[in-house]
Structure formats: structure tokens, C-alpha cells
Amino acid sequence: MPVIQDEQELKKAGVSDTEVPRDISKLRVQNNRYFVIILLLIAGHFVQTWVSKVAFDKAQTTKEVVYVKLFPDGNWHVGEFKPEDEQIYFRSTIDRSLESYAKNRYGQLPETVKRNYAEAAVFMSDAMMADFVSTQPGGFNASQRAVDIANNKNSDRVEVTWRFADHYDRIPAIFNKKSGEVIRSNVYLTVVTKTSNGLVKQNGVEKKILRVQWRLLPKEQLAEKKQDWLRVNPLGLEIIESDLIDDPAGYNSAPEGQAQ
């Protein structure tokens, strides 16, 4: 195809000397318009990708808490509530959580002590947790204790049995500038100390009272917990203070050397 090189050839071809620059300008404007449109489409794609990723991550971490009520006749009901609704609970569920804490925290089974201490920590407030894992003088140093117990073949076995609980008081409190309440309970336990061979030690059967102050975490805070945490403590019971004391009515119910 011949290339038009000068004005004479343009005239012979019947093309005005002003049409070519005008057409080039139109093409340049049109190309710029397409370029801007392409940039906007690319930017829109990145924004859409980012929004989708945020929504996906949120869906992976967001949890919806529901309660399933089972009735004696076999019927059931799923109760849903919004995060601003008041936390609800059943006494039997509270007792089960306190029992789990007591057994894991004060029991001593060498084969499971590491897991037991870890599960007990799930129920603790931040202050109690700090003392539980502290390696400073006066701290419980749970990690090292668990290792020592698990590695010592002659470690005593301490078994904790639930008796009953008395939830005797509730007091108003403030948590993170929000009003709430703290429940005071006495949990009555039987603590049996045995040798590594399973024989009850002398005066090894004791009646104890676990004095606790606890609360239920708000549902918006509970929804942020991981699945493993919720499996241990689905109700979100947080123990603020606890103290294990002798039961004044307690007594040694088994002589030394008797297996139970």
C-alpha cells in the first residue's frame, strides 16, 4: 500500500491537508478515553476483590451463638438472639462449667494434667490467668508444674468429685465501662488424693469448698472466641476470683491404703 508523503499526493488522492491531523486528534482523544475506562475497570476489579476478601474473612471468623432447648417429650427448640440481647443461662449449665473448672484446675492426673490445666485456663479472667502461668515468686507456674507432674512416675493422683453448688449472691459490677453483675457461689467438692498406684493416702479424702466469683461474658465478646475455646466453655463463664478452702463439715471417709 503506497504511503502519502506530501501535499501534492494528498491533493491527488482527494484528501484535504487538514483532515489527517483532525483524524489523528480524534483517535488520540478516543484512545485516551478508552485508557481511562480500562484503568477504572482495573481499579474496580481490585476494589471488588478486596471487598470480597474482607467479607470472606469475616464470614470465617464470625460466629452465631444459638441455644438448643431439649424437652423431655423429645421436642426441641432453637433459640436465637442478637448480640445486644441479655445473656441467658440454665443453672445446670452453670454447674457443669464450674464442675469442669474445678476438676481441671484442682485435679491432678499425670496422664492428662497438661490438657487439664489448659482447659482450666479457659475459664479464668485475665488477672487469674496471669497468676496461673506466672513464673515469678508466688505465681502458680502452671506449665512447669504440668511438666513435673507428667514426668514424675511417683506423682500423686488427685481426683475431684462434684457434690453441689450454692449460688447465693449477685452484685452489680462494671466491666470495660459497661454495667454487669458478678455471681458469688460456693461449690462443694470431694477431693481424693491417691498414690501413683491408686491407693488412697492417709487422710486422703477431704471435703472442700470452692468459693468463686464469676460472670458471663457479653455475647459480642463470646462471638469473637475461637471454636476450640467455645468447645470447652460454650457459655462464656469467666471466673474472676476463686479460693479452695476446707469444708468445716468435712471428714476423712477412707482409711489409708483403701482403693476407690
C-alpha atoms as a PDB file:
ATOM      1  CA  MET A   1       0.000   0.000   0.000  1.00  0.00           C
ATOM      2  CA  PRO A   2       1.519   3.388  -1.097  1.00  0.00           C
ATOM      3  CA  VAL A   3       2.385   5.924   1.609  1.00  0.00           C
ATOM      4  CA  ILE A   4       1.179   9.504   1.132  1.00  0.00           C
ATOM      5  CA  GLN A   5       4.255  11.671   1.575  1.00  0.00           C
ATOM      6  CA  ASP A   6       3.474  15.274   0.511  1.00  0.00           C
ATOM      7  CA  GLU A   7       0.723  17.764  -0.111  1.00  0.00           C
ATOM      8  CA  GLN A   8       0.616  17.161  -3.901  1.00  0.00           C
ATOM      9  CA  GLU A   9      -0.029  13.484  -3.415  1.00  0.00           C
ATOM     10  CA  LEU A  10      -2.708  14.303  -0.804  1.00  0.00           C
ATOM     11  CA  LYS A  11      -4.486  16.532  -3.306  1.00  0.00           C
ATOM     12  CA  LYS A  12      -4.261  13.872  -5.999  1.00  0.00           C
ATOM     13  CA  ALA A  13      -5.785  11.425  -3.558  1.00  0.00           C
ATOM     14  CA  GLY A  14      -8.607  13.847  -2.828  1.00  0.00           C
ATOM     15  CA  VAL A  15      -7.710  14.235   0.842  1.00  0.00           C
ATOM     16  CA  SER A  16      -7.597  17.674   2.470  1.00  0.00           C
ATOM     17  CA  ASP A  17      -4.397  18.604   4.231  1.00  0.00           C
ATOM     18  CA  THR A  18      -6.404  19.342   7.412  1.00  0.00           C
ATOM     19  CA  GLU A  19      -8.317  16.063   7.602  1.00  0.00           C
ATOM     20  CA  VAL A  20      -5.399  13.862   8.660  1.00  0.00           C
ATOM     21  CA  PRO A  21      -4.412  15.910  11.740  1.00  0.00           C
ATOM     22  CA  ARG A  22      -8.091  16.163  12.695  1.00  0.00           C
ATOM     23  CA  ASP A  23      -8.494  12.407  12.458  1.00  0.00           C
ATOM     24  CA  ILE A  24      -5.333  11.833  14.499  1.00  0.00           C
ATOM     25  CA  SER A  25      -6.630  14.151  17.202  1.00  0.00           C
ATOM     26  CA  LYS A  26      -9.926  12.269  17.308  1.00  0.00           C
ATOM     27  CA  LEU A  27      -8.116   8.958  17.573  1.00  0.00           C
ATOM     28  CA  ARG A  28      -5.894  10.314  20.334  1.00  0.00           C
ATOM     29  CA  VAL A  29      -8.901  11.533  22.333  1.00  0.00           C
ATOM     30  CA  GLN A  30     -10.702   8.255  21.794  1.00  0.00           C
ATOM     31  CA  ASN A  31      -7.652   6.239  22.851  1.00  0.00           C
ATOM     32  CA  ASN A  32      -7.257   8.339  25.984  1.00  0.00           C
ATOM     33  CA  ARG A  33     -10.919   7.774  26.803  1.00  0.00           C
ATOM     34  CA  TYR A  34     -10.501   4.013  26.417  1.00  0.00           C
ATOM     35  CA  PHE A  35      -7.329   4.118  28.517  1.00  0.00           C
ATOM     36  CA  VAL A  36      -9.161   5.882  31.366  1.00  0.00           C
ATOM     37  CA  ILE A  37     -12.051   3.411  31.140  1.00  0.00           C
ATOM     38  CA  ILE A  38      -9.626   0.468  31.325  1.00  0.00           C
ATOM     39  CA  LEU A  39      -7.925   1.992  34.389  1.00  0.00           C
ATOM     40  CA  LEU A  40     -11.307   2.446  36.079  1.00  0.00           C
ATOM     41  CA  LEU A  41     -12.249  -1.154  35.310  1.00  0.00           C
ATOM     42  CA  ILE A  42      -8.956  -2.420  36.752  1.00  0.00           C
ATOM     43  CA  ALA A  43      -9.401  -0.282  39.862  1.00  0.00           C
ATOM     44  CA  GLY A  44     -12.983  -1.525  40.234  1.00  0.00           C
ATOM     45  CA  HIS A  45     -11.772  -5.105  39.946  1.00  0.00           C
ATOM     46  CA  PHE A  46      -9.219  -4.600  42.730  1.00  0.00           C
ATOM     47  CA  VAL A  47     -11.818  -2.929  44.954  1.00  0.00           C
ATOM     48  CA  GLN A  48     -14.282  -5.753  44.341  1.00  0.00           C
ATOM     49  CA  THR A  49     -11.588  -8.340  45.103  1.00  0.00           C
ATOM     50  CA  TRP A  50     -10.673  -6.568  48.346  1.00  0.00           C
ATOM     51  CA  VAL A  51     -14.327  -6.304  49.449  1.00  0.00           C
ATOM     52  CA  SER A  52     -14.863  -9.993  48.698  1.00  0.00           C
ATOM     53  CA  LYS A  53     -11.776 -10.961  50.688  1.00  0.00           C
ATOM     54  CA  VAL A  54     -12.893  -8.884  53.694  1.00  0.00           C
ATOM     55  CA  ALA A  55     -16.365 -10.438  53.551  1.00  0.00           C
ATOM     56  CA  PHE A  56     -14.880 -13.931  53.270  1.00  0.00           C
ATOM     57  CA  ASP A  57     -12.517 -13.391  56.222  1.00  0.00           C
ATOM     58  CA  LYS A  58     -15.375 -12.005  58.301  1.00  0.00           C
ATOM     59  CA  ALA A  59     -17.553 -14.990  57.435  1.00  0.00           C
ATOM     60  CA  GLN A  60     -14.736 -17.307  58.525  1.00  0.00           C
ATOM     61  CA  THR A  61     -14.378 -15.687  61.955  1.00  0.00           C
ATOM     62  CA  THR A  62     -17.897 -14.536  62.764  1.00  0.00           C
ATOM     63  CA  LYS A  63     -19.818 -16.924  64.971  1.00  0.00           C
ATOM     64  CA  GLU A  64     -23.507 -17.028  65.688  1.00  0.00           C
ATOM     65  CA  VAL A  65     -24.391 -18.250  69.152  1.00  0.00           C
ATOM     66  CA  VAL A  66     -27.622 -20.224  69.463  1.00  0.00           C
ATOM     67  CA  TYR A  67     -29.125 -22.365  72.182  1.00  0.00           C
ATOM     68  CA  VAL A  68     -30.951 -25.624  71.521  1.00  0.00           C
ATOM     69  CA  LYS A  69     -33.528 -26.497  74.174  1.00  0.00           C
ATOM     70  CA  LEU A  70     -34.359 -30.185  74.508  1.00  0.00           C
ATOM     71  CA  PHE A  71     -37.652 -31.130  76.156  1.00  0.00           C
ATOM     72  CA  PRO A  72     -38.481 -34.411  77.946  1.00  0.00           C
ATOM     73  CA  ASP A  73     -41.080 -35.315  75.304  1.00  0.00           C
ATOM     74  CA  GLY A  74     -38.446 -35.266  72.565  1.00  0.00           C
ATOM     75  CA  ASN A  75     -39.285 -31.849  71.143  1.00  0.00           C
ATOM     76  CA  TRP A  76     -36.615 -29.233  70.677  1.00  0.00           C
ATOM     77  CA  HIS A  77     -36.353 -25.528  70.049  1.00  0.00           C
ATOM     78  CA  VAL A  78     -33.522 -23.394  68.671  1.00  0.00           C
ATOM     79  CA  GLY A  79     -33.340 -20.004  70.358  1.00  0.00           C
ATOM     80  CA  GLU A  80     -31.501 -17.231  68.529  1.00  0.00           C
ATOM     81  CA  PHE A  81     -30.720 -13.791  69.848  1.00  0.00           C
ATOM     82  CA  LYS A  82     -28.926 -10.634  68.792  1.00  0.00           C
ATOM     83  CA  PRO A  83     -25.627  -9.518  70.350  1.00  0.00           C
ATOM     84  CA  GLU A  84     -27.388  -6.791  72.315  1.00  0.00           C
ATOM     85  CA  ASP A  85     -29.757  -9.274  73.984  1.00  0.00           C
ATOM     86  CA  GLU A  86     -29.074 -10.249  77.581  1.00  0.00           C
ATOM     87  CA  GLN A  87     -27.073 -13.429  78.089  1.00  0.00           C
ATOM     88  CA  ILE A  88     -29.231 -16.342  79.243  1.00  0.00           C
ATOM     89  CA  TYR A  89     -28.271 -19.478  81.094  1.00  0.00           C
ATOM     90  CA  PHE A  90     -29.587 -22.513  82.921  1.00  0.00           C
ATOM     91  CA  ARG A  91     -28.386 -23.487  86.381  1.00  0.00           C
ATOM     92  CA  SER A  92     -27.403 -26.967  85.207  1.00  0.00           C
ATOM     93  CA  THR A  93     -25.195 -25.433  82.504  1.00  0.00           C
ATOM     94  CA  ILE A  94     -23.521 -23.129  85.004  1.00  0.00           C
ATOM     95  CA  ASP A  95     -22.929 -26.050  87.372  1.00  0.00           C
ATOM     96  CA  ARG A  96     -21.433 -28.092  84.553  1.00  0.00           C
ATOM     97  CA  SER A  97     -18.983 -25.285  83.714  1.00  0.00           C
ATOM     98  CA  LEU A  98     -17.947 -24.839  87.346  1.00  0.00           C
ATOM     99  CA  GLU A  99     -17.507 -28.592  87.700  1.00  0.00           C
ATOM    100  CA  SER A 100     -15.278 -28.677  84.640  1.00  0.00           C
ATOM    101  CA  TYR A 101     -13.167 -25.848  86.014  1.00  0.00           C
ATOM    102  CA  ALA A 102     -12.830 -27.425  89.467  1.00  0.00           C
ATOM    103  CA  LYS A 103     -11.810 -30.830  88.143  1.00  0.00           C
ATOM    104  CA  ASN A 104      -9.302 -29.441  85.646  1.00  0.00           C
ATOM    105  CA  ARG A 105      -7.808 -26.849  87.971  1.00  0.00           C
ATOM    106  CA  TYR A 106      -7.560 -28.810  91.240  1.00  0.00           C
ATOM    107  CA  GLY A 107      -7.374 -32.368  89.971  1.00  0.00           C
ATOM    108  CA  GLN A 108      -4.015 -33.965  89.267  1.00  0.00           C
ATOM    109  CA  LEU A 109      -3.890 -36.787  86.745  1.00  0.00           C
ATOM    110  CA  PRO A 110      -0.351 -37.148  85.347  1.00  0.00           C
ATOM    111  CA  GLU A 111      -1.528 -38.536  82.015  1.00  0.00           C
ATOM    112  CA  THR A 112      -3.806 -35.559  81.261  1.00  0.00           C
ATOM    113  CA  VAL A 113      -2.534 -32.758  83.512  1.00  0.00           C
ATOM    114  CA  LYS A 114      -1.263 -30.589  80.642  1.00  0.00           C
ATOM    115  CA  ARG A 115      -4.630 -30.626  78.886  1.00  0.00           C
ATOM    116  CA  ASN A 116      -6.474 -30.208  82.199  1.00  0.00           C
ATOM    117  CA  TYR A 117      -4.566 -27.058  83.103  1.00  0.00           C
ATOM    118  CA  ALA A 118      -5.089 -25.652  79.609  1.00  0.00           C
ATOM    119  CA  GLU A 119      -8.850 -26.202  79.836  1.00  0.00           C
ATOM    120  CA  ALA A 120      -8.987 -24.699  83.336  1.00  0.00           C
ATOM    121  CA  ALA A 121      -7.320 -21.556  81.999  1.00  0.00           C
ATOM    122  CA  VAL A 122     -10.190 -21.057  79.532  1.00  0.00           C
ATOM    123  CA  PHE A 123     -12.478 -20.177  82.449  1.00  0.00           C
ATOM    124  CA  MET A 124     -10.082 -17.694  84.067  1.00  0.00           C
ATOM    125  CA  SER A 125     -10.163 -13.909  83.920  1.00  0.00           C
ATOM    126  CA  ASP A 126      -7.055 -12.145  82.602  1.00  0.00           C
ATOM    127  CA  ALA A 127      -5.826 -11.446  86.136  1.00  0.00           C
ATOM    128  CA  MET A 128      -6.276 -15.057  87.237  1.00  0.00           C
ATOM    129  CA  MET A 129      -4.634 -16.314  84.057  1.00  0.00           C
ATOM    130  CA  ALA A 130      -1.607 -14.090  84.632  1.00  0.00           C
ATOM    131  CA  ASP A 131      -1.121 -15.539  88.117  1.00  0.00           C
ATOM    132  CA  PHE A 132      -1.784 -19.086  86.891  1.00  0.00           C
ATOM    133  CA  VAL A 133       1.011 -19.015  84.306  1.00  0.00           C
ATOM    134  CA  SER A 134       3.372 -16.655  86.160  1.00  0.00           C
ATOM    135  CA  THR A 135       6.910 -17.893  86.742  1.00  0.00           C
ATOM    136  CA  GLN A 136       7.577 -15.187  89.332  1.00  0.00           C
ATOM    137  CA  PRO A 137       7.679 -15.968  93.066  1.00  0.00           C
ATOM    138  CA  GLY A 138       4.124 -16.513  94.246  1.00  0.00           C
ATOM    139  CA  GLY A 139       2.897 -17.463  90.762  1.00  0.00           C
ATOM    140  CA  PHE A 140       1.472 -20.904  90.080  1.00  0.00           C
ATOM    141  CA  ASN A 141       3.747 -21.566  87.067  1.00  0.00           C
ATOM    142  CA  ALA A 142       1.250 -23.991  85.504  1.00  0.00           C
ATOM    143  CA  SER A 143       3.418 -25.018  82.556  1.00  0.00           C
ATOM    144  CA  GLN A 144       6.343 -26.170  84.670  1.00  0.00           C
ATOM    145  CA  ARG A 145       4.107 -27.853  87.228  1.00  0.00           C
ATOM    146  CA  ALA A 146       2.347 -29.801  84.492  1.00  0.00           C
ATOM    147  CA  VAL A 147       5.693 -30.966  83.087  1.00  0.00           C
ATOM    148  CA  ASP A 148       6.959 -32.007  86.541  1.00  0.00           C
ATOM    149  CA  ILE A 149       3.781 -33.941  87.349  1.00  0.00           C
ATOM    150  CA  ALA A 150       3.654 -35.677  83.970  1.00  0.00           C
ATOM    151  CA  ASN A 151       7.325 -36.712  84.121  1.00  0.00           C
ATOM    152  CA  ASN A 152       7.263 -37.984  87.699  1.00  0.00           C
ATOM    153  CA  LYS A 153       6.166 -41.617  87.795  1.00  0.00           C
ATOM    154  CA  ASN A 154       5.504 -41.340  91.519  1.00  0.00           C
ATOM    155  CA  SER A 155       3.230 -38.301  91.303  1.00  0.00           C
ATOM    156  CA  ASP A 156       0.134 -38.447  93.474  1.00  0.00           C
ATOM    157  CA  ARG A 157      -3.228 -38.665  91.774  1.00  0.00           C
ATOM    158  CA  VAL A 158      -5.823 -36.113  92.893  1.00  0.00           C
ATOM    159  CA  GLU A 159      -9.428 -36.742  91.858  1.00  0.00           C
ATOM    160  CA  VAL A 160     -12.117 -34.086  92.321  1.00  0.00           C
ATOM    161  CA  THR A 161     -15.781 -35.048  92.601  1.00  0.00           C
ATOM    162  CA  TRP A 162     -18.694 -32.629  92.385  1.00  0.00           C
ATOM    163  CA  ARG A 163     -21.169 -32.542  95.274  1.00  0.00           C
ATOM    164  CA  PHE A 164     -23.374 -29.494  94.805  1.00  0.00           C
ATOM    165  CA  ALA A 165     -23.271 -25.702  94.393  1.00  0.00           C
ATOM    166  CA  ASP A 166     -24.897 -22.792  96.168  1.00  0.00           C
ATOM    167  CA  HIS A 167     -25.247 -19.614  94.085  1.00  0.00           C
ATOM    168  CA  TYR A 168     -26.043 -17.341  96.967  1.00  0.00           C
ATOM    169  CA  ASP A 169     -25.496 -13.753  95.815  1.00  0.00           C
ATOM    170  CA  ARG A 170     -25.195 -11.408  92.863  1.00  0.00           C
ATOM    171  CA  ILE A 171     -23.683  -7.953  92.920  1.00  0.00           C
ATOM    172  CA  PRO A 172     -23.523  -5.149  90.320  1.00  0.00           C
ATOM    173  CA  ALA A 173     -20.166  -4.529  88.677  1.00  0.00           C
ATOM    174  CA  ILE A 174     -18.546  -2.566  85.852  1.00  0.00           C
ATOM    175  CA  PHE A 175     -16.594  -4.268  83.051  1.00  0.00           C
ATOM    176  CA  ASN A 176     -14.935  -2.137  80.364  1.00  0.00           C
ATOM    177  CA  LYS A 177     -17.135   0.827  81.320  1.00  0.00           C
ATOM    178  CA  LYS A 178     -20.259  -1.306  80.926  1.00  0.00           C
ATOM    179  CA  SER A 179     -22.555  -2.397  83.711  1.00  0.00           C
ATOM    180  CA  GLY A 180     -22.842  -6.060  84.570  1.00  0.00           C
ATOM    181  CA  GLU A 181     -23.081  -8.350  87.539  1.00  0.00           C
ATOM    182  CA  VAL A 182     -20.926 -10.811  89.435  1.00  0.00           C
ATOM    183  CA  ILE A 183     -22.317 -14.020  90.918  1.00  0.00           C
ATOM    184  CA  ARG A 184     -20.957 -15.444  94.156  1.00  0.00           C
ATOM    185  CA  SER A 185     -21.083 -19.209  94.558  1.00  0.00           C
ATOM    186  CA  ASN A 186     -19.884 -21.901  96.903  1.00  0.00           C
ATOM    187  CA  VAL A 187     -19.039 -25.141  95.146  1.00  0.00           C
ATOM    188  CA  TYR A 188     -18.872 -28.208  97.388  1.00  0.00           C
ATOM    189  CA  LEU A 189     -16.343 -30.839  96.324  1.00  0.00           C
ATOM    190  CA  THR A 190     -14.776 -34.085  97.455  1.00  0.00           C
ATOM    191  CA  VAL A 191     -11.030 -34.263  96.841  1.00  0.00           C
ATOM    192  CA  VAL A 192      -9.393 -37.691  96.939  1.00  0.00           C
ATOM    193  CA  THR A 193      -5.596 -37.952  96.973  1.00  0.00           C
ATOM    194  CA  LYS A 194      -4.119 -41.292  95.925  1.00  0.00           C
ATOM    195  CA  THR A 195      -0.674 -42.711  95.399  1.00  0.00           C
ATOM    196  CA  SER A 196       0.592 -43.353  91.899  1.00  0.00           C
ATOM    197  CA  ASN A 197      -0.668 -46.928  92.332  1.00  0.00           C
ATOM    198  CA  GLY A 198      -4.216 -45.787  93.001  1.00  0.00           C
ATOM    199  CA  LEU A 199      -4.329 -46.320  96.776  1.00  0.00           C
ATOM    200  CA  VAL A 200      -5.962 -43.643  98.894  1.00  0.00           C
ATOM    201  CA  LYS A 201      -3.426 -41.878 101.070  1.00  0.00           C
ATOM    202  CA  GLN A 202      -3.880 -41.336 104.774  1.00  0.00           C
ATOM    203  CA  ASN A 203      -6.430 -38.552 105.303  1.00  0.00           C
ATOM    204  CA  GLY A 204      -6.679 -38.541 101.541  1.00  0.00           C
ATOM    205  CA  VAL A 205     -10.423 -37.943 101.348  1.00  0.00           C
ATOM    206  CA  GLU A 206     -11.291 -34.310 102.032  1.00  0.00           C
ATOM    207  CA  LYS A 207     -14.419 -32.229 101.721  1.00  0.00           C
ATOM    208  CA  LYS A 208     -13.652 -28.858 100.167  1.00  0.00           C
ATOM    209  CA  ILE A 209     -15.494 -25.664  99.319  1.00  0.00           C
ATOM    210  CA  LEU A 210     -14.519 -23.727  96.211  1.00  0.00           C
ATOM    211  CA  ARG A 211     -15.538 -20.115  96.746  1.00  0.00           C
ATOM    212  CA  VAL A 212     -15.859 -18.398  93.373  1.00  0.00           C
ATOM    213  CA  GLN A 213     -16.967 -15.120  91.890  1.00  0.00           C
ATOM    214  CA  TRP A 214     -17.907 -15.363  88.243  1.00  0.00           C
ATOM    215  CA  ARG A 215     -19.738 -13.676  85.405  1.00  0.00           C
ATOM    216  CA  LEU A 216     -20.942 -14.452  81.894  1.00  0.00           C
ATOM    217  CA  LEU A 217     -19.119 -12.781  79.033  1.00  0.00           C
ATOM    218  CA  PRO A 218     -21.224 -10.492  76.796  1.00  0.00           C
ATOM    219  CA  LYS A 219     -22.341 -12.242  73.634  1.00  0.00           C
ATOM    220  CA  GLU A 220     -20.441  -9.892  71.335  1.00  0.00           C
ATOM    221  CA  GLN A 221     -17.254 -10.851  73.210  1.00  0.00           C
ATOM    222  CA  LEU A 222     -18.210 -14.520  73.190  1.00  0.00           C
ATOM    223  CA  ALA A 223     -18.673 -14.426  69.408  1.00  0.00           C
ATOM    224  CA  GLU A 224     -15.012 -13.460  68.990  1.00  0.00           C
ATOM    225  CA  LYS A 225     -13.728 -16.622  70.667  1.00  0.00           C
ATOM    226  CA  LYS A 226     -12.242 -19.480  68.674  1.00  0.00           C
ATOM    227  CA  GLN A 227     -14.028 -22.771  68.177  1.00  0.00           C
ATOM    228  CA  ASP A 228     -11.620 -24.696  70.431  1.00  0.00           C
ATOM    229  CA  TRP A 229     -12.273 -22.188  73.222  1.00  0.00           C
ATOM    230  CA  LEU A 230     -16.045 -22.463  72.786  1.00  0.00           C
ATOM    231  CA  ARG A 231     -15.950 -26.255  72.905  1.00  0.00           C
ATOM    232  CA  VAL A 232     -14.545 -26.058  76.434  1.00  0.00           C
ATOM    233  CA  ASN A 233     -16.559 -23.068  77.647  1.00  0.00           C
ATOM    234  CA  PRO A 234     -19.597 -22.579  75.359  1.00  0.00           C
ATOM    235  CA  LEU A 235     -21.444 -20.412  77.870  1.00  0.00           C
ATOM    236  CA  GLY A 236     -18.580 -17.962  78.297  1.00  0.00           C
ATOM    237  CA  LEU A 237     -18.333 -18.317  82.078  1.00  0.00           C
ATOM    238  CA  GLU A 238     -15.427 -16.250  83.400  1.00  0.00           C
ATOM    239  CA  ILE A 239     -14.143 -16.832  86.926  1.00  0.00           C
ATOM    240  CA  ILE A 240     -12.898 -13.617  88.486  1.00  0.00           C
ATOM    241  CA  GLU A 241     -11.805 -14.966  91.877  1.00  0.00           C
ATOM    242  CA  SER A 242     -11.574 -18.439  93.364  1.00  0.00           C
ATOM    243  CA  ASP A 243     -10.383 -19.886  96.638  1.00  0.00           C
ATOM    244  CA  LEU A 244     -10.352 -23.533  97.696  1.00  0.00           C
ATOM    245  CA  ILE A 245     -10.890 -23.998 101.445  1.00  0.00           C
ATOM    246  CA  ASP A 246     -11.674 -26.856 103.789  1.00  0.00           C
ATOM    247  CA  ASP A 247     -15.322 -27.635 104.386  1.00  0.00           C
ATOM    248  CA  PRO A 248     -15.943 -27.247 108.149  1.00  0.00           C
ATOM    249  CA  ALA A 249     -18.279 -30.228 107.923  1.00  0.00           C
ATOM    250  CA  GLY A 250     -15.747 -32.333 106.034  1.00  0.00           C
ATOM    251  CA  TYR A 251     -14.131 -35.523 107.288  1.00  0.00           C
ATOM    252  CA  ASN A 252     -11.840 -38.318 106.134  1.00  0.00           C
ATOM    253  CA  SER A 253     -14.103 -41.071 104.866  1.00  0.00           C
ATOM    254  CA  ALA A 254     -11.496 -43.639 103.841  1.00  0.00           C
ATOM    255  CA  PRO A 255      -8.561 -45.194 105.746  1.00  0.00           C
ATOM    256  CA  GLU A 256      -5.092 -45.250 104.273  1.00  0.00           C
ATOM    257  CA  GLY A 257      -4.461 -47.817 101.580  1.00  0.00           C
ATOM    258  CA  GLN A 258      -8.073 -48.340 100.546  1.00  0.00           C
ATOM    259  CA  ALA A 259      -8.662 -48.182  96.806  1.00  0.00           C
ATOM    260  CA  GLN A 260     -11.630 -46.229  95.479  1.00  0.00           C
END
